[in-house]
Amino acid sequence: MEPDQIQTLMAAFDHTSEAQMRDPHPMYRAFRTQCPVGRSEQHGGFFVVSSYELVKTVFDDYARFSSTEGVGIPPHPYKMLPIDLDPPQQTKFRRVLNPRFTVESVSALAPKVEAKVHELIDAFIERGHADFAAQLVRPLLPAIVLPLLGVPMSDQPQMSAWIEYLTRGRANDLAGVAKAGEQIGAYLMGLVAARRQQPPIDDIMGLLLSSEIDGKPLSDGEIFRVLLIILFGGLDTTSAVMLEALLHLSRNPVDARRLMSGELDWARAIEEFVRYASPIQGLRRTVSEATVLGGQVLVPGDWVFGLHGSANRDPAVFKDADRCVLDRTPNPHLGFGSGAHICLGRNLARLEIRILLQTVLHRIPDYTTPSDFDPEYLAGEARGMKSLPVRFTPGRRRANVRSTEGVA
C-alpha cells in the first residue's frame, strides 16, 4: 500500500463503524506494518496505536498516557471508577473491589452459572435450532452479574438496553446517549439511596456501602460510577469471547473433541479465545506530557487509542497470529488489558466462558452453524457478534437426562 493510501485509510479509521469492524484485521495489519502510530480524523481526531509493543507501552505507562480524562472515543457521558483514574487513586478503588474478584471468590459462583446455562439450554434444546447469541449468551451474563450488584432481575431488560445504548450509540446519537445516561444514573442512584436505608446485604453494592477510601465512606456518586463500569464489563465483553469461541468450535470439531477429552487444557484454550476475539478492540488514553511514540510527536491533551485487537494479532509476538491455536504457549495477550487497569473481572469471565463452553459441548455436541454464515458485528470499543444461528440434534430437557454435575 502506498504512503498516501495508508494515510487515507488511517484518517478514515473509525472503530464505531460496523462496516470497518466487520473484518478489521487486514486494516490492522496495514497499520502495524506501515503506520504503527498514525492519526485518525474521526471523532475530533486521535492517534491510533497498533503494534503490540507500542500498545502495551500506552497501557502500562500511566504517567505519560493517563486515564483520568476517560477511556472511550467518543467520551462516555459519565466518569467511571476505577477505570477513569490513575494510580494511586485508582489502586485504592481496586483494593476495595479485588476481594470479590479473586479466583477463590468467583469459584463460589460456579453452581449458579452452571444452573443458569442449563436453564437457558432447556428452553430450546427440544427444537433443534437456536440463536446462541440471543437465547444463550446474552441472557446468561445479566443473570450472573446483576445479582452481584444488587440489581433486581426484574430490571434486567431495561438495564441491558441502557448499557447497550451507552456502548453503541455514542458515535451517532449523543442526545439519546445522554438520555440513557440520565436514566441509568437516576436508577442506580435511587438503588444506592434505597440500600442505605436497608439492613446490610453481602453483595458488591453492600461492599461499596461499607467501604472507606482515605478514611471516608464512598459517596453515592462514587458507588454509581463503580457499578457502571462493572455493568459495562459484565454485560458486554465476556459475551464477545463466548460467541467467538462457540463459532470456532462449530467450525473446528476436532478442537471441541480434544477439549472434551482432556487432550487440550481448558485454561490455555480460554486464554487463546480471549486473544483471538479481543472483545475490547481498543481504548483511549490522554497524553499528559510531551513525548514521542513510534516516531510520532505527541503533546499533552492528545488522544491515543491503543488497539488491543491489532496488538493481539501482531506476528512479532504471536506465531500464526491470525489462527486460533488452543494450545498456544506462551500467550501474553492483551485481551484483558495490561498494567494497572488489567481487567478486574477477568477471573469471573474465565469461569463463565469455561462453564458455558463445557456445558454446550456436553449437551449439544453436534451443533453447527450454517455453511454460509458470515457473522455481523456490533462496533465500538467492544466488538461482538450480533447473532450466532445453530442447528443440532434435538435433545431432552435436563429434568429428563442424567446430571452433568462436575462437567463444569
Protein backbone atom coordinates (compact mmCIF):
# COMPACT_ATOMS: atom_id res chain seq x y z
CA MET A 1 0.00 0.00 0.00
CA GLU A 2 1.35 3.42 -0.99
CA PRO A 3 2.06 6.01 1.76
CA ASP A 4 -0.81 8.25 0.67
CA GLN A 5 -3.17 5.26 0.68
CA ILE A 6 -2.24 4.25 4.22
CA GLN A 7 -2.66 7.84 5.40
CA THR A 8 -6.10 7.98 3.82
CA LEU A 9 -7.03 4.67 5.45
CA MET A 10 -5.73 5.84 8.82
CA ALA A 11 -7.53 9.19 8.62
CA ALA A 12 -10.81 7.36 8.00
CA PHE A 13 -10.35 4.81 10.81
CA ASP A 14 -13.46 4.62 12.98
CA HIS A 15 -13.89 1.78 15.46
CA THR A 16 -17.60 2.64 15.75
CA SER A 17 -18.20 1.83 12.06
CA GLU A 18 -19.81 -1.58 11.59
CA ALA A 19 -18.53 -1.65 8.00
CA GLN A 20 -14.92 -1.19 9.12
CA MET A 21 -15.19 -3.51 12.11
CA ARG A 22 -16.81 -6.41 10.28
CA ASP A 23 -13.31 -7.64 9.47
CA PRO A 24 -10.78 -5.08 10.71
CA HIS A 25 -7.74 -7.34 10.65
CA PRO A 26 -6.44 -6.54 7.13
CA MET A 27 -6.67 -2.87 8.09
CA TYR A 28 -4.87 -3.52 11.38
CA ARG A 29 -2.15 -5.39 9.50
CA ALA A 30 -1.59 -2.39 7.24
CA PHE A 31 -1.40 -0.09 10.26
CA ARG A 32 1.12 -2.28 12.11
CA THR A 33 3.44 -2.69 9.16
CA GLN A 34 3.30 0.81 7.69
CA CYS A 35 1.98 3.24 10.30
CA PRO A 36 2.09 1.83 13.85
CA VAL A 37 1.19 5.28 15.24
CA GLY A 38 -0.98 7.35 12.93
CA ARG A 39 -3.80 9.87 13.14
CA SER A 40 -7.48 9.30 12.56
CA GLU A 41 -9.54 12.40 11.83
CA GLN A 42 -12.76 10.86 13.14
CA HIS A 43 -14.47 11.97 16.37
CA GLY A 44 -12.38 15.11 16.64
CA GLY A 45 -9.08 13.39 15.86
CA PHE A 46 -6.98 10.87 17.74
CA PHE A 47 -3.79 8.84 17.34
CA VAL A 48 -4.14 5.12 16.59
CA VAL A 49 -1.54 2.74 18.05
CA SER A 50 -1.46 -0.73 16.54
CA SER A 51 1.71 -2.74 17.27
CA TYR A 52 1.91 -4.96 20.35
CA GLU A 53 4.97 -3.24 21.79
CA LEU A 54 3.53 0.25 21.49
CA VAL A 55 0.01 -0.68 22.62
CA LYS A 56 1.46 -2.29 25.74
CA THR A 57 3.54 0.83 26.35
CA VAL A 58 0.43 3.01 26.20
CA PHE A 59 -1.47 0.87 28.70
CA ASP A 60 1.45 0.29 31.06
CA ASP A 61 2.77 3.86 31.24
CA TYR A 62 0.04 5.81 33.03
CA ALA A 63 2.47 8.64 33.79
CA ARG A 64 2.52 9.61 30.10
CA PHE A 65 -0.80 8.12 28.99
CA SER A 66 -3.50 8.93 31.51
CA SER A 67 -6.98 7.51 32.03
CA THR A 68 -8.29 10.39 34.11
CA GLU A 69 -9.99 12.11 31.15
CA GLY A 70 -11.85 8.93 30.19
CA VAL A 71 -11.07 5.87 28.07
CA GLY A 72 -13.78 5.99 25.41
CA ILE A 73 -13.98 7.61 21.98
CA PRO A 74 -16.42 9.36 21.78
CA PRO A 75 -16.33 10.08 25.53
CA HIS A 76 -18.80 8.39 27.85
CA PRO A 77 -21.35 10.69 29.50
CA TYR A 78 -20.18 9.64 32.96
CA LYS A 79 -16.80 9.16 34.57
CA MET A 80 -16.46 5.53 35.65
CA LEU A 81 -14.43 4.22 38.56
CA PRO A 82 -11.79 2.95 38.83
CA ILE A 83 -11.14 2.75 35.07
CA ASP A 84 -11.14 6.55 34.68
CA LEU A 85 -8.48 7.03 37.36
CA ASP A 86 -4.71 6.59 37.52
CA PRO A 87 -2.72 5.20 40.44
CA PRO A 88 -2.53 5.84 43.32
CA GLN A 89 -6.24 6.78 43.49
CA GLN A 90 -7.18 4.02 41.07
CA THR A 91 -5.32 1.50 43.22
CA LYS A 92 -7.40 2.43 46.27
CA PHE A 93 -10.65 1.60 44.49
CA ARG A 94 -9.18 -1.62 43.11
CA ARG A 95 -8.13 -2.62 46.61
CA VAL A 96 -11.76 -2.32 47.76
CA LEU A 97 -13.08 -4.47 44.89
CA ASN A 98 -10.30 -7.05 44.46
CA PRO A 99 -11.51 -9.50 47.16
CA ARG A 100 -14.77 -10.04 45.25
CA PHE A 101 -12.97 -10.99 42.05
CA THR A 102 -10.27 -13.41 43.19
CA VAL A 103 -10.24 -16.93 41.76
CA GLU A 104 -11.50 -18.25 45.10
CA SER A 105 -14.36 -15.75 45.34
CA VAL A 106 -15.68 -16.23 41.83
CA SER A 107 -15.38 -20.04 42.10
CA ALA A 108 -18.27 -19.93 44.56
CA LEU A 109 -20.46 -18.76 41.66
CA ALA A 110 -19.82 -21.87 39.55
CA PRO A 111 -23.02 -23.75 40.59
CA LYS A 112 -25.15 -20.71 39.81
CA VAL A 113 -23.52 -20.19 36.40
CA GLU A 114 -23.92 -23.86 35.50
CA ALA A 115 -27.57 -23.94 36.61
CA LYS A 116 -28.38 -20.86 34.52
CA VAL A 117 -26.67 -22.26 31.42
CA HIS A 118 -28.70 -25.47 31.78
CA GLU A 119 -31.91 -23.48 32.25
CA LEU A 120 -31.30 -21.49 29.07
CA ILE A 121 -30.40 -24.59 27.06
CA ASP A 122 -33.54 -26.34 28.31
CA ALA A 123 -35.63 -23.59 26.75
CA PHE A 124 -34.54 -24.51 23.19
CA ILE A 125 -32.88 -27.94 23.20
CA GLU A 126 -36.02 -29.80 22.09
CA ARG A 127 -36.35 -27.63 18.97
CA GLY A 128 -33.04 -28.49 17.33
CA HIS A 129 -32.17 -24.90 16.48
CA ALA A 130 -31.36 -21.66 18.31
CA ASP A 131 -29.59 -18.34 18.16
CA PHE A 132 -26.81 -18.79 20.70
CA ALA A 133 -26.37 -15.00 20.96
CA ALA A 134 -29.98 -14.12 21.75
CA GLN A 135 -31.07 -17.28 23.58
CA LEU A 136 -27.97 -18.33 25.49
CA VAL A 137 -25.04 -15.95 25.80
CA ARG A 138 -26.68 -12.57 26.24
CA PRO A 139 -29.33 -13.73 28.75
CA LEU A 140 -26.70 -15.58 30.80
CA LEU A 141 -24.48 -12.68 31.77
CA PRO A 142 -27.09 -10.36 33.34
CA ALA A 143 -28.38 -13.32 35.36
CA ILE A 144 -24.94 -13.65 36.95
CA VAL A 145 -23.77 -10.04 37.16
CA LEU A 146 -26.89 -8.12 38.19
CA PRO A 147 -27.49 -10.04 41.44
CA LEU A 148 -23.85 -9.45 42.41
CA LEU A 149 -24.53 -5.72 42.20
CA GLY A 150 -27.86 -5.80 43.99
CA VAL A 151 -29.89 -5.05 40.83
CA PRO A 152 -33.22 -6.94 40.76
CA MET A 153 -33.50 -9.42 37.90
CA SER A 154 -36.89 -7.92 37.02
CA ASP A 155 -34.97 -4.87 35.80
CA GLN A 156 -32.63 -6.91 33.56
CA PRO A 157 -34.20 -5.99 30.18
CA GLN A 158 -34.11 -2.27 30.88
CA MET A 159 -30.59 -2.38 32.33
CA SER A 160 -29.28 -4.33 29.33
CA ALA A 161 -30.92 -1.86 26.93
CA TRP A 162 -29.36 1.13 28.69
CA ILE A 163 -25.88 -0.40 28.69
CA GLU A 164 -26.21 -1.38 25.02
CA TYR A 165 -27.12 2.17 24.07
CA LEU A 166 -24.38 3.76 26.15
CA THR A 167 -21.93 1.39 24.44
CA ARG A 168 -23.11 1.64 20.84
CA GLY A 169 -24.91 4.96 20.48
CA ARG A 170 -22.16 7.46 21.29
CA ALA A 171 -20.99 7.71 17.68
CA ASN A 172 -24.24 8.96 16.17
CA ASP A 173 -26.81 9.85 18.83
CA LEU A 174 -25.30 11.93 21.60
CA ALA A 175 -28.72 13.18 22.70
CA GLY A 176 -30.02 9.62 23.00
CA VAL A 177 -26.90 8.54 24.86
CA ALA A 178 -27.25 11.46 27.26
CA LYS A 179 -30.86 10.47 27.94
CA ALA A 180 -29.90 6.83 28.53
CA GLY A 181 -27.12 8.04 30.82
CA GLU A 182 -29.55 10.14 32.82
CA GLN A 183 -31.96 7.21 33.11
CA ILE A 184 -29.39 4.66 34.26
CA GLY A 185 -27.90 7.28 36.57
CA ALA A 186 -31.26 8.01 38.20
CA TYR A 187 -31.98 4.29 38.52
CA LEU A 188 -28.66 3.35 40.11
CA MET A 189 -28.53 6.38 42.38
CA GLY A 190 -32.04 5.54 43.55
CA LEU A 191 -30.97 1.97 44.21
CA VAL A 192 -27.96 3.14 46.22
CA ALA A 193 -30.09 5.53 48.28
CA ALA A 194 -32.63 2.78 49.00
CA ARG A 195 -29.92 0.35 50.06
CA ARG A 196 -28.54 2.85 52.57
CA GLN A 197 -31.86 2.57 54.41
CA GLN A 198 -31.88 -1.24 54.45
CA PRO A 199 -30.01 -3.83 56.52
CA PRO A 200 -26.62 -4.78 55.02
CA ILE A 201 -26.59 -7.37 52.21
CA ASP A 202 -23.50 -9.37 51.24
CA ASP A 203 -23.07 -8.29 47.62
CA ILE A 204 -20.87 -5.83 45.74
CA MET A 205 -23.15 -2.89 46.48
CA GLY A 206 -23.10 -3.86 50.15
CA LEU A 207 -19.30 -3.96 49.98
CA LEU A 208 -19.18 -0.48 48.47
CA LEU A 209 -21.62 0.90 51.02
CA SER A 210 -19.48 -0.37 53.89
CA SER A 211 -16.07 0.60 52.50
CA GLU A 212 -13.90 3.65 53.03
CA ILE A 213 -11.16 5.27 50.95
CA ASP A 214 -8.76 7.65 52.67
CA GLY A 215 -10.88 7.34 55.80
CA LYS A 216 -14.10 8.48 54.09
CA PRO A 217 -17.15 6.41 53.06
CA LEU A 218 -17.80 6.22 49.34
CA SER A 219 -20.36 8.75 48.14
CA ASP A 220 -23.49 7.75 46.23
CA GLY A 221 -21.88 9.14 43.08
CA GLU A 222 -18.71 7.11 43.54
CA ILE A 223 -20.70 3.92 44.11
CA PHE A 224 -22.78 4.62 40.99
CA ARG A 225 -19.64 5.06 38.90
CA VAL A 226 -18.18 1.77 40.16
CA LEU A 227 -21.41 -0.10 39.44
CA LEU A 228 -21.50 1.36 35.94
CA ILE A 229 -18.10 0.02 34.87
CA ILE A 230 -18.89 -3.43 36.28
CA LEU A 231 -22.09 -3.42 34.23
CA PHE A 232 -20.20 -2.46 31.07
CA GLY A 233 -17.63 -5.19 31.58
CA GLY A 234 -20.01 -7.86 32.81
CA LEU A 235 -22.75 -7.49 30.19
CA ASP A 236 -20.79 -6.86 27.01
CA THR A 237 -17.20 -8.00 26.67
CA THR A 238 -17.50 -11.57 28.02
CA SER A 239 -20.27 -12.31 25.54
CA ALA A 240 -17.96 -11.44 22.63
CA VAL A 241 -15.45 -14.12 23.67
CA MET A 242 -18.16 -16.73 24.25
CA LEU A 243 -19.66 -16.26 20.80
CA GLU A 244 -16.30 -16.28 19.01
CA ALA A 245 -15.37 -19.48 20.87
CA LEU A 246 -18.68 -21.16 20.03
CA LEU A 247 -18.24 -20.27 16.36
CA HIS A 248 -14.68 -21.61 16.33
CA LEU A 249 -15.69 -24.92 17.92
CA SER A 250 -18.55 -25.39 15.46
CA ARG A 251 -16.13 -24.94 12.57
CA ASN A 252 -13.34 -26.95 14.21
CA PRO A 253 -14.97 -30.03 15.75
CA VAL A 254 -11.56 -31.65 16.29
CA ASP A 255 -10.74 -28.87 18.75
CA ALA A 256 -14.05 -29.48 20.51
CA ARG A 257 -13.32 -33.19 20.86
CA ARG A 258 -9.78 -32.55 22.09
CA LEU A 259 -11.08 -30.15 24.73
CA MET A 260 -13.75 -32.53 25.99
CA SER A 261 -11.33 -35.47 26.05
CA GLY A 262 -8.82 -33.55 28.12
CA GLU A 263 -6.18 -33.54 25.41
CA LEU A 264 -6.32 -29.74 25.37
CA ASP A 265 -6.10 -27.71 28.55
CA TRP A 266 -9.17 -25.58 29.18
CA ALA A 267 -7.34 -22.72 30.88
CA ARG A 268 -4.91 -22.36 27.98
CA ALA A 269 -7.72 -22.59 25.42
CA ILE A 270 -9.72 -19.85 27.12
CA GLU A 271 -6.73 -17.50 27.02
CA GLU A 272 -6.46 -18.15 23.30
CA PHE A 273 -10.17 -17.48 22.78
CA VAL A 274 -9.71 -14.15 24.59
CA ARG A 275 -6.68 -13.26 22.46
CA TYR A 276 -8.38 -14.24 19.23
CA ALA A 277 -11.66 -12.46 19.96
CA SER A 278 -10.10 -9.38 21.60
CA PRO A 279 -13.50 -8.34 22.97
CA ILE A 280 -12.25 -4.82 23.63
CA GLN A 281 -10.81 -3.69 20.32
CA GLY A 282 -9.32 -0.50 21.70
CA LEU A 283 -9.35 2.06 24.50
CA ARG A 284 -8.26 5.66 24.80
CA ARG A 285 -5.63 7.34 26.89
CA THR A 286 -4.85 11.08 27.06
CA VAL A 287 -1.26 12.27 26.70
CA SER A 288 -0.21 14.02 29.90
CA GLU A 289 3.32 15.13 28.96
CA ALA A 290 5.12 15.79 25.70
CA THR A 291 6.51 12.54 24.36
CA VAL A 292 7.42 10.57 21.26
CA LEU A 293 5.74 7.26 20.48
CA GLY A 294 6.68 5.21 17.44
CA GLY A 295 8.31 8.27 15.89
CA GLN A 296 5.15 10.36 16.37
CA VAL A 297 5.42 13.56 18.42
CA LEU A 298 2.57 13.77 20.94
CA VAL A 299 1.63 16.73 23.12
CA PRO A 300 -0.46 16.99 26.30
CA GLY A 301 -4.14 16.64 25.54
CA ASP A 302 -3.72 14.37 22.50
CA TRP A 303 -5.97 11.32 22.49
CA VAL A 304 -4.23 7.99 21.91
CA PHE A 305 -6.26 4.89 21.06
CA GLY A 306 -4.46 1.62 21.76
CA LEU A 307 -5.76 -1.21 19.58
CA HIS A 308 -5.88 -4.43 21.62
CA GLY A 309 -7.44 -6.12 18.59
CA SER A 310 -4.38 -5.31 16.48
CA ALA A 311 -1.78 -5.97 19.18
CA ASN A 312 -3.21 -9.45 19.76
CA ARG A 313 -2.65 -10.32 16.09
CA ASP A 314 0.92 -8.96 15.92
CA PRO A 315 3.14 -11.66 14.34
CA ALA A 316 6.15 -10.17 16.12
CA VAL A 317 4.69 -11.71 19.31
CA PHE A 318 2.28 -14.43 18.18
CA LYS A 319 3.19 -17.12 15.64
CA ASP A 320 0.30 -17.79 13.24
CA ALA A 321 -1.37 -14.79 14.84
CA ASP A 322 -4.49 -14.96 12.67
CA ARG A 323 -5.19 -18.57 13.68
CA CYS A 324 -6.95 -19.65 16.86
CA VAL A 325 -4.43 -22.12 18.31
CA LEU A 326 -5.88 -23.55 21.51
CA ASP A 327 -2.62 -24.90 22.92
CA ARG A 328 -0.73 -21.65 22.26
CA THR A 329 2.06 -21.02 24.74
CA PRO A 330 3.28 -18.58 25.79
CA ASN A 331 0.31 -16.30 25.25
CA PRO A 332 0.98 -12.78 26.58
CA HIS A 333 -2.21 -11.39 25.04
CA LEU A 334 -3.71 -8.02 25.91
CA GLY A 335 -7.32 -9.24 25.75
CA PHE A 336 -7.80 -8.41 29.42
CA GLY A 337 -5.78 -5.22 29.12
CA SER A 338 -2.41 -4.57 30.71
CA GLY A 339 -0.80 -2.67 33.53
CA ALA A 340 -2.71 -1.02 36.37
CA HIS A 341 -6.02 -1.30 34.52
CA ILE A 342 -5.91 -5.02 33.74
CA CYS A 343 -9.50 -6.31 33.76
CA LEU A 344 -10.86 -6.59 37.30
CA GLY A 345 -13.40 -9.23 36.30
CA ARG A 346 -11.08 -11.49 34.30
CA ASN A 347 -11.39 -14.43 36.74
CA LEU A 348 -15.19 -14.28 36.59
CA ALA A 349 -15.06 -14.07 32.79
CA ARG A 350 -12.82 -17.14 32.59
CA LEU A 351 -15.19 -19.09 34.84
CA GLU A 352 -18.27 -18.11 32.84
CA ILE A 353 -16.61 -18.91 29.49
CA ARG A 354 -15.41 -22.32 30.66
CA ILE A 355 -18.74 -23.41 32.14
CA LEU A 356 -20.74 -22.23 29.14
CA LEU A 357 -18.50 -23.98 26.60
CA GLN A 358 -18.24 -27.22 28.59
CA THR A 359 -21.99 -27.40 29.12
CA VAL A 360 -22.81 -26.69 25.48
CA LEU A 361 -20.32 -29.29 24.24
CA HIS A 362 -21.70 -31.84 26.70
CA ARG A 363 -25.39 -31.32 25.92
CA ILE A 364 -25.29 -30.19 22.26
CA PRO A 365 -22.11 -31.79 20.91
CA ASP A 366 -23.18 -31.77 17.26
CA TYR A 367 -24.28 -28.13 16.95
CA THR A 368 -23.30 -26.49 13.66
CA THR A 369 -23.57 -23.06 12.12
CA PRO A 370 -24.85 -22.64 8.53
CA SER A 371 -22.11 -23.21 5.97
CA ASP A 372 -22.72 -19.74 4.52
CA PHE A 373 -22.86 -17.97 7.88
CA ASP A 374 -20.97 -14.67 7.71
CA PRO A 375 -21.07 -13.00 11.13
CA GLU A 376 -22.03 -9.39 11.55
CA TYR A 377 -20.56 -7.45 14.45
CA LEU A 378 -21.61 -4.72 16.80
CA ALA A 379 -19.00 -1.98 16.72
CA GLY A 380 -17.43 0.31 19.30
CA GLU A 381 -14.65 -0.16 21.82
CA ALA A 382 -16.12 -3.65 22.19
CA ARG A 383 -16.77 -5.88 19.16
CA GLY A 384 -19.13 -8.83 19.36
CA MET A 385 -21.30 -10.92 17.06
CA LYS A 386 -24.88 -9.81 16.57
CA SER A 387 -26.18 -13.36 16.22
CA LEU A 388 -25.00 -16.97 16.06
CA PRO A 389 -27.60 -19.29 14.50
CA VAL A 390 -27.07 -23.02 15.10
CA ARG A 391 -28.73 -26.35 14.36
CA PHE A 392 -28.32 -29.61 16.26
CA THR A 393 -29.97 -32.92 17.03
CA PRO A 394 -32.90 -32.15 19.35
CA GLY A 395 -32.26 -33.24 22.90
CA ARG A 396 -34.09 -33.55 26.18
CA ARG A 397 -34.52 -31.04 28.92
CA ARG A 398 -32.22 -31.51 31.89
CA ALA A 399 -35.01 -32.91 34.06
CA ASN A 400 -35.04 -35.91 31.73
CA VAL A 401 -31.31 -36.50 31.43
CA ARG A 402 -28.61 -37.60 33.81
CA SER A 403 -26.98 -34.93 35.95
CA THR A 404 -23.98 -33.18 34.47
CA GLU A 405 -22.68 -32.13 37.87
CA GLY A 406 -18.91 -31.94 37.72
CA VAL A 407 -18.81 -31.38 33.95
CA ALA A 408 -18.05 -27.71 34.53
